[in-house]
C-alpha cells in the first residue's frame, strides 16, 4: 500500500500524463461504486487493457470504498429507480434470458445503481481531474513542498517510509531511462 501511495505521488508530481491520472480516478470511482462480484472482477480485468494510472485507480477505490456505508443507500435507491423503469423492462428480460448474464447480478439494485452512478459520474470526474492536475502541479505543489508542515510531517515514521519508497521508485525510473 505504501508503494501504491508513493506511485500516485510520483504520478501527480512527475511526468505522467494528466489524462492517465484522470482515467485512473474515473476507473477507481467505477469500481468503488460497484459491489464486488463477478461483474466487478470482469470489469477490473477489462480495465487492465486500457491505459491509465493504476495507483490512482487503487487509491480512489480504497478511499471511496471507505465511504461505502454512506454511498450504498443512494446507489440502492438509484438502482431501484433504474430497474423499475418500464421502458427498460424488455431489455432486462432479454439480458436475464442470456446465458451467464444473470451471474453478473445486474438485476441487483446495488449493482444497477452503482453502474448507473458510475456511468453518470465517469466523464465529469475524468474532466475535473484532468483540469485539476496542472493546477496542482503549477500552484499547490511548490507551496506544499516548501511548507514547514511538510517538513514536520516528513519526520513521522510512516511518512518517512513513503518518502523512501518514492525516492527508490524515482531513482529506479531515472536509472531505467538512462539505459535507453
C-alpha atoms as a PDB file:
ATOM      1  CA  UNK A   1       0.000   0.000   0.000  1.00  0.00           C
ATOM      2  CA  UNK A   2       2.868   2.349   0.777  1.00  0.00           C
ATOM      3  CA  UNK A   3       4.370   1.751  -2.670  1.00  0.00           C
ATOM      4  CA  UNK A   4       0.970   2.446  -4.235  1.00  0.00           C
ATOM      5  CA  UNK A   5       0.715   5.795  -2.466  1.00  0.00           C
ATOM      6  CA  UNK A   6       4.299   6.532  -3.475  1.00  0.00           C
ATOM      7  CA  UNK A   7       3.497   5.752  -7.116  1.00  0.00           C
ATOM      8  CA  UNK A   8       0.473   8.066  -7.003  1.00  0.00           C
ATOM      9  CA  UNK A   9       2.574  10.862  -5.522  1.00  0.00           C
ATOM     10  CA  UNK A  10       5.165  10.319  -8.244  1.00  0.00           C
ATOM     11  CA  UNK A  11       2.474  10.385 -10.904  1.00  0.00           C
ATOM     12  CA  UNK A  12       0.979  13.625  -9.598  1.00  0.00           C
ATOM     13  CA  UNK A  13       4.354  15.284  -9.181  1.00  0.00           C
ATOM     14  CA  UNK A  14       6.118  13.719 -12.148  1.00  0.00           C
ATOM     15  CA  UNK A  15       5.837  13.466 -15.856  1.00  0.00           C
ATOM     16  CA  UNK A  16       2.773  11.216 -16.021  1.00  0.00           C
ATOM     17  CA  UNK A  17       0.122  12.418 -18.424  1.00  0.00           C
ATOM     18  CA  UNK A  18      -2.819  14.057 -16.748  1.00  0.00           C
ATOM     19  CA  UNK A  19      -5.171  12.007 -18.917  1.00  0.00           C
ATOM     20  CA  UNK A  20      -3.756   8.794 -17.432  1.00  0.00           C
ATOM     21  CA  UNK A  21      -4.212  10.092 -13.896  1.00  0.00           C
ATOM     22  CA  UNK A  22      -7.752  11.255 -14.650  1.00  0.00           C
ATOM     23  CA  UNK A  23      -8.646   7.914 -16.209  1.00  0.00           C
ATOM     24  CA  UNK A  24      -7.284   6.156 -13.126  1.00  0.00           C
ATOM     25  CA  UNK A  25      -9.505   8.289 -10.904  1.00  0.00           C
ATOM     26  CA  UNK A  26     -12.549   7.536 -13.077  1.00  0.00           C
ATOM     27  CA  UNK A  27     -11.863   3.776 -13.099  1.00  0.00           C
ATOM     28  CA  UNK A  28     -11.374   3.843  -9.328  1.00  0.00           C
ATOM     29  CA  UNK A  29     -14.714   5.564  -8.846  1.00  0.00           C
ATOM     30  CA  UNK A  30     -16.408   2.976 -11.053  1.00  0.00           C
ATOM     31  CA  UNK A  31     -15.012   0.091  -9.018  1.00  0.00           C
ATOM     32  CA  UNK A  32     -15.783   1.798  -5.729  1.00  0.00           C
ATOM     33  CA  UNK A  33     -19.443   2.298  -6.612  1.00  0.00           C
ATOM     34  CA  UNK A  34     -19.980  -1.313  -7.685  1.00  0.00           C
ATOM     35  CA  UNK A  35     -20.295  -4.102  -5.111  1.00  0.00           C
ATOM     36  CA  UNK A  36     -17.713  -6.845  -5.514  1.00  0.00           C
ATOM     37  CA  UNK A  37     -18.820  -9.809  -7.605  1.00  0.00           C
ATOM     38  CA  UNK A  38     -18.321 -11.465 -10.979  1.00  0.00           C
ATOM     39  CA  UNK A  39     -19.278  -8.277 -12.826  1.00  0.00           C
ATOM     40  CA  UNK A  40     -16.766  -6.279 -10.768  1.00  0.00           C
ATOM     41  CA  UNK A  41     -13.991  -8.786 -11.465  1.00  0.00           C
ATOM     42  CA  UNK A  42     -14.775  -8.845 -15.201  1.00  0.00           C
ATOM     43  CA  UNK A  43     -14.685  -5.041 -15.357  1.00  0.00           C
ATOM     44  CA  UNK A  44     -11.438  -4.952 -13.376  1.00  0.00           C
ATOM     45  CA  UNK A  45      -9.774  -7.366 -15.797  1.00  0.00           C
ATOM     46  CA  UNK A  46     -11.182  -5.327 -18.703  1.00  0.00           C
ATOM     47  CA  UNK A  47      -9.707  -2.162 -17.187  1.00  0.00           C
ATOM     48  CA  UNK A  48      -6.223  -3.661 -17.268  1.00  0.00           C
ATOM     49  CA  UNK A  49      -6.278  -3.444 -21.071  1.00  0.00           C
ATOM     50  CA  UNK A  50      -6.699   0.357 -21.025  1.00  0.00           C
ATOM     51  CA  UNK A  51      -4.001   2.931 -20.395  1.00  0.00           C
ATOM     52  CA  UNK A  52      -4.465   4.674 -17.057  1.00  0.00           C
ATOM     53  CA  UNK A  53      -2.659   5.182 -13.788  1.00  0.00           C
ATOM     54  CA  UNK A  54      -3.277   2.074 -11.702  1.00  0.00           C
ATOM     55  CA  UNK A  55      -2.070   3.713  -8.491  1.00  0.00           C
ATOM     56  CA  UNK A  56      -4.725   6.426  -8.867  1.00  0.00           C
ATOM     57  CA  UNK A  57      -7.339   3.747  -9.550  1.00  0.00           C
ATOM     58  CA  UNK A  58      -6.473   1.769  -6.413  1.00  0.00           C
ATOM     59  CA  UNK A  59      -6.197   4.915  -4.268  1.00  0.00           C
ATOM     60  CA  UNK A  60      -9.635   6.218  -5.294  1.00  0.00           C
ATOM     61  CA  UNK A  61     -11.114   2.734  -4.986  1.00  0.00           C
ATOM     62  CA  UNK A  62      -9.868   2.407  -1.410  1.00  0.00           C
ATOM     63  CA  UNK A  63     -10.829   5.950  -0.469  1.00  0.00           C
ATOM     64  CA  UNK A  64     -14.388   5.766  -1.820  1.00  0.00           C
ATOM     65  CA  UNK A  65     -14.933   2.217  -0.520  1.00  0.00           C
ATOM     66  CA  UNK A  66     -14.322   3.601   2.966  1.00  0.00           C
ATOM     67  CA  UNK A  67     -17.359   5.830   2.390  1.00  0.00           C
ATOM     68  CA  UNK A  68     -19.485   2.979   1.018  1.00  0.00           C
ATOM     69  CA  UNK A  69     -21.834   2.784   4.054  1.00  0.00           C
ATOM     70  CA  UNK A  70     -22.927   6.317   3.172  1.00  0.00           C
ATOM     71  CA  UNK A  71     -22.939   5.794  -0.616  1.00  0.00           C
ATOM     72  CA  UNK A  72     -24.728   2.435  -0.873  1.00  0.00           C
ATOM     73  CA  UNK A  73     -28.136   3.703   0.301  1.00  0.00           C
ATOM     74  CA  UNK A  74     -28.040   6.286  -2.501  1.00  0.00           C
ATOM     75  CA  UNK A  75     -26.966   3.783  -5.150  1.00  0.00           C
ATOM     76  CA  UNK A  76     -29.604   1.355  -3.884  1.00  0.00           C
ATOM     77  CA  UNK A  77     -32.326   3.963  -4.460  1.00  0.00           C
ATOM     78  CA  UNK A  78     -30.908   4.801  -7.888  1.00  0.00           C
ATOM     79  CA  UNK A  79     -30.780   1.099  -8.758  1.00  0.00           C
ATOM     80  CA  UNK A  80     -34.392   0.645  -7.693  1.00  0.00           C
ATOM     81  CA  UNK A  81     -35.380   3.527  -9.955  1.00  0.00           C
ATOM     82  CA  UNK A  82     -33.368   2.221 -12.929  1.00  0.00           C
ATOM     83  CA  UNK A  83     -34.571  -1.367 -12.584  1.00  0.00           C
ATOM     84  CA  UNK A  84     -38.210  -0.309 -12.341  1.00  0.00           C
ATOM     85  CA  UNK A  85     -38.205   1.841 -15.472  1.00  0.00           C
ATOM     86  CA  UNK A  86     -40.999   0.442 -17.619  1.00  0.00           C
ATOM     87  CA  UNK A  87     -39.229   1.318 -20.873  1.00  0.00           C
ATOM     88  CA  UNK A  88     -36.230  -0.865 -19.954  1.00  0.00           C
ATOM     89  CA  UNK A  89     -38.217  -3.917 -18.843  1.00  0.00           C
ATOM     90  CA  UNK A  90     -37.932  -5.755 -22.235  1.00  0.00           C
ATOM     91  CA  UNK A  91     -34.178  -5.087 -22.251  1.00  0.00           C
ATOM     92  CA  UNK A  92     -33.803  -6.518 -18.755  1.00  0.00           C
ATOM     93  CA  UNK A  93     -35.862  -9.560 -19.742  1.00  0.00           C
ATOM     94  CA  UNK A  94     -33.544 -10.229 -22.707  1.00  0.00           C
ATOM     95  CA  UNK A  95     -30.492  -9.802 -20.512  1.00  0.00           C
ATOM     96  CA  UNK A  96     -31.873 -12.164 -17.897  1.00  0.00           C
ATOM     97  CA  UNK A  97     -32.561 -14.855 -20.513  1.00  0.00           C
ATOM     98  CA  UNK A  98     -28.991 -14.728 -21.900  1.00  0.00           C
ATOM     99  CA  UNK A  99     -26.503 -17.326 -20.733  1.00  0.00           C
ATOM    100  CA  UNK A 100     -24.155 -16.240 -17.907  1.00  0.00           C
ATOM    101  CA  UNK A 101     -25.514 -12.660 -17.781  1.00  0.00           C
ATOM    102  CA  UNK A 102     -27.674 -13.318 -14.687  1.00  0.00           C
ATOM    103  CA  UNK A 103     -24.472 -14.242 -12.820  1.00  0.00           C
ATOM    104  CA  UNK A 104     -23.410 -10.587 -13.070  1.00  0.00           C
ATOM    105  CA  UNK A 105     -26.299  -9.722 -10.720  1.00  0.00           C
ATOM    106  CA  UNK A 106     -27.299  -6.840 -12.993  1.00  0.00           C
ATOM    107  CA  UNK A 107     -30.793  -7.064 -11.521  1.00  0.00           C
ATOM    108  CA  UNK A 108     -29.495  -6.253  -8.023  1.00  0.00           C
ATOM    109  CA  UNK A 109     -30.353  -2.694  -7.014  1.00  0.00           C
ATOM    110  CA  UNK A 110     -26.834  -2.001  -5.703  1.00  0.00           C
ATOM    111  CA  UNK A 111     -25.208  -3.224  -8.921  1.00  0.00           C
ATOM    112  CA  UNK A 112     -27.622  -1.355 -11.179  1.00  0.00           C
ATOM    113  CA  UNK A 113     -27.460   1.823  -9.096  1.00  0.00           C
ATOM    114  CA  UNK A 114     -23.670   1.703  -8.773  1.00  0.00           C
ATOM    115  CA  UNK A 115     -23.276   1.181 -12.511  1.00  0.00           C
ATOM    116  CA  UNK A 116     -25.733   3.983 -13.314  1.00  0.00           C
ATOM    117  CA  UNK A 117     -23.978   6.359 -10.901  1.00  0.00           C
ATOM    118  CA  UNK A 118     -20.540   5.400 -12.237  1.00  0.00           C
ATOM    119  CA  UNK A 119     -21.620   5.943 -15.833  1.00  0.00           C
ATOM    120  CA  UNK A 120     -23.142   9.310 -14.927  1.00  0.00           C
ATOM    121  CA  UNK A 121     -20.022  10.404 -12.992  1.00  0.00           C
ATOM    122  CA  UNK A 122     -17.324   8.935 -15.270  1.00  0.00           C
ATOM    123  CA  UNK A 123     -16.824  11.894 -17.634  1.00  0.00           C
ATOM    124  CA  UNK A 124     -17.319  14.679 -15.062  1.00  0.00           C
ATOM    125  CA  UNK A 125     -14.695  13.079 -12.786  1.00  0.00           C
ATOM    126  CA  UNK A 126     -12.355  12.465 -15.720  1.00  0.00           C
ATOM    127  CA  UNK A 127     -12.518  16.057 -16.983  1.00  0.00           C
ATOM    128  CA  UNK A 128     -12.390  17.553 -13.479  1.00  0.00           C
ATOM    129  CA  UNK A 129      -9.245  15.629 -12.508  1.00  0.00           C
ATOM    130  CA  UNK A 130      -7.734  16.300 -15.933  1.00  0.00           C
ATOM    131  CA  UNK A 131      -8.225  20.029 -15.329  1.00  0.00           C
ATOM    132  CA  UNK A 132      -7.032  19.939 -11.703  1.00  0.00           C
ATOM    133  CA  UNK A 133      -3.728  18.079 -12.220  1.00  0.00           C
ATOM    134  CA  UNK A 134      -1.985  21.016 -13.996  1.00  0.00           C
ATOM    135  CA  UNK A 135      -3.379  23.444 -11.416  1.00  0.00           C
ATOM    136  CA  UNK A 136      -1.996  21.246  -8.647  1.00  0.00           C
ATOM    137  CA  UNK A 137       1.384  20.938 -10.339  1.00  0.00           C
ATOM    138  CA  UNK A 138       1.664  24.649 -11.076  1.00  0.00           C
ATOM    139  CA  UNK A 139       0.338  26.241  -7.893  1.00  0.00           C
ATOM    140  CA  UNK A 140      -0.109  23.824  -4.999  1.00  0.00           C
ATOM    141  CA  UNK A 141       2.956  21.609  -5.358  1.00  0.00           C
ATOM    142  CA  UNK A 142       5.565  24.371  -4.818  1.00  0.00           C
ATOM    143  CA  UNK A 143       3.661  25.727  -1.827  1.00  0.00           C
ATOM    144  CA  UNK A 144       3.238  22.298  -0.266  1.00  0.00           C
ATOM    145  CA  UNK A 145       6.851  21.258  -0.855  1.00  0.00           C
ATOM    146  CA  UNK A 146       8.247  24.390   0.827  1.00  0.00           C
ATOM    147  CA  UNK A 147       5.924  24.482   3.842  1.00  0.00           C
ATOM    148  CA  UNK A 148       7.101  23.868   7.417  1.00  0.00           C
ATOM    149  CA  UNK A 149       4.196  21.495   7.990  1.00  0.00           C
ATOM    150  CA  UNK A 150       5.517  19.138   5.306  1.00  0.00           C
ATOM    151  CA  UNK A 151       8.939  19.179   6.956  1.00  0.00           C
ATOM    152  CA  UNK A 152       7.442  18.205  10.304  1.00  0.00           C
ATOM    153  CA  UNK A 153       5.107  15.710   8.665  1.00  0.00           C
ATOM    154  CA  UNK A 154       8.059  14.115   6.853  1.00  0.00           C
ATOM    155  CA  UNK A 155       9.624  13.098  10.152  1.00  0.00           C
ATOM    156  CA  UNK A 156       6.732  10.733  11.003  1.00  0.00           C
ATOM    157  CA  UNK A 157       7.977   7.137  10.545  1.00  0.00           C
ATOM    158  CA  UNK A 158       5.211   6.023   8.136  1.00  0.00           C
ATOM    159  CA  UNK A 159       5.635   9.154   6.030  1.00  0.00           C
ATOM    160  CA  UNK A 160       9.400   8.613   6.018  1.00  0.00           C
ATOM    161  CA  UNK A 161       8.802   5.110   4.616  1.00  0.00           C
ATOM    162  CA  UNK A 162       6.569   6.549   1.891  1.00  0.00           C
ATOM    163  CA  UNK A 163       9.230   9.172   1.083  1.00  0.00           C
ATOM    164  CA  UNK A 164      11.891   6.461   0.885  1.00  0.00           C
ATOM    165  CA  UNK A 165       9.650   4.406  -1.416  1.00  0.00           C
ATOM    166  CA  UNK A 166       9.095   7.454  -3.640  1.00  0.00           C
ATOM    167  CA  UNK A 167      12.839   8.106  -3.786  1.00  0.00           C
ATOM    168  CA  UNK A 168      13.571   4.449  -4.569  1.00  0.00           C
ATOM    169  CA  UNK A 169      10.983   4.299  -7.345  1.00  0.00           C
ATOM    170  CA  UNK A 170      12.125   7.639  -8.718  1.00  0.00           C
ATOM    171  CA  UNK A 171      15.788   6.545  -8.729  1.00  0.00           C
ATOM    172  CA  UNK A 172      14.863   3.269 -10.402  1.00  0.00           C
ATOM    173  CA  UNK A 173      12.927   5.095 -13.148  1.00  0.00           C
ATOM    174  CA  UNK A 174      15.796   7.526 -13.730  1.00  0.00           C
ATOM    175  CA  UNK A 175      18.259   4.637 -13.974  1.00  0.00           C
ATOM    176  CA  UNK A 176      15.999   2.777 -16.390  1.00  0.00           C
ATOM    177  CA  UNK A 177      15.641   5.871 -18.560  1.00  0.00           C
ATOM    178  CA  UNK A 178      19.404   6.354 -18.662  1.00  0.00           C
ATOM    179  CA  UNK A 179      19.801   2.869 -20.187  1.00  0.00           C
ATOM    180  CA  UNK A 180      17.702   3.826 -23.206  1.00  0.00           C
END
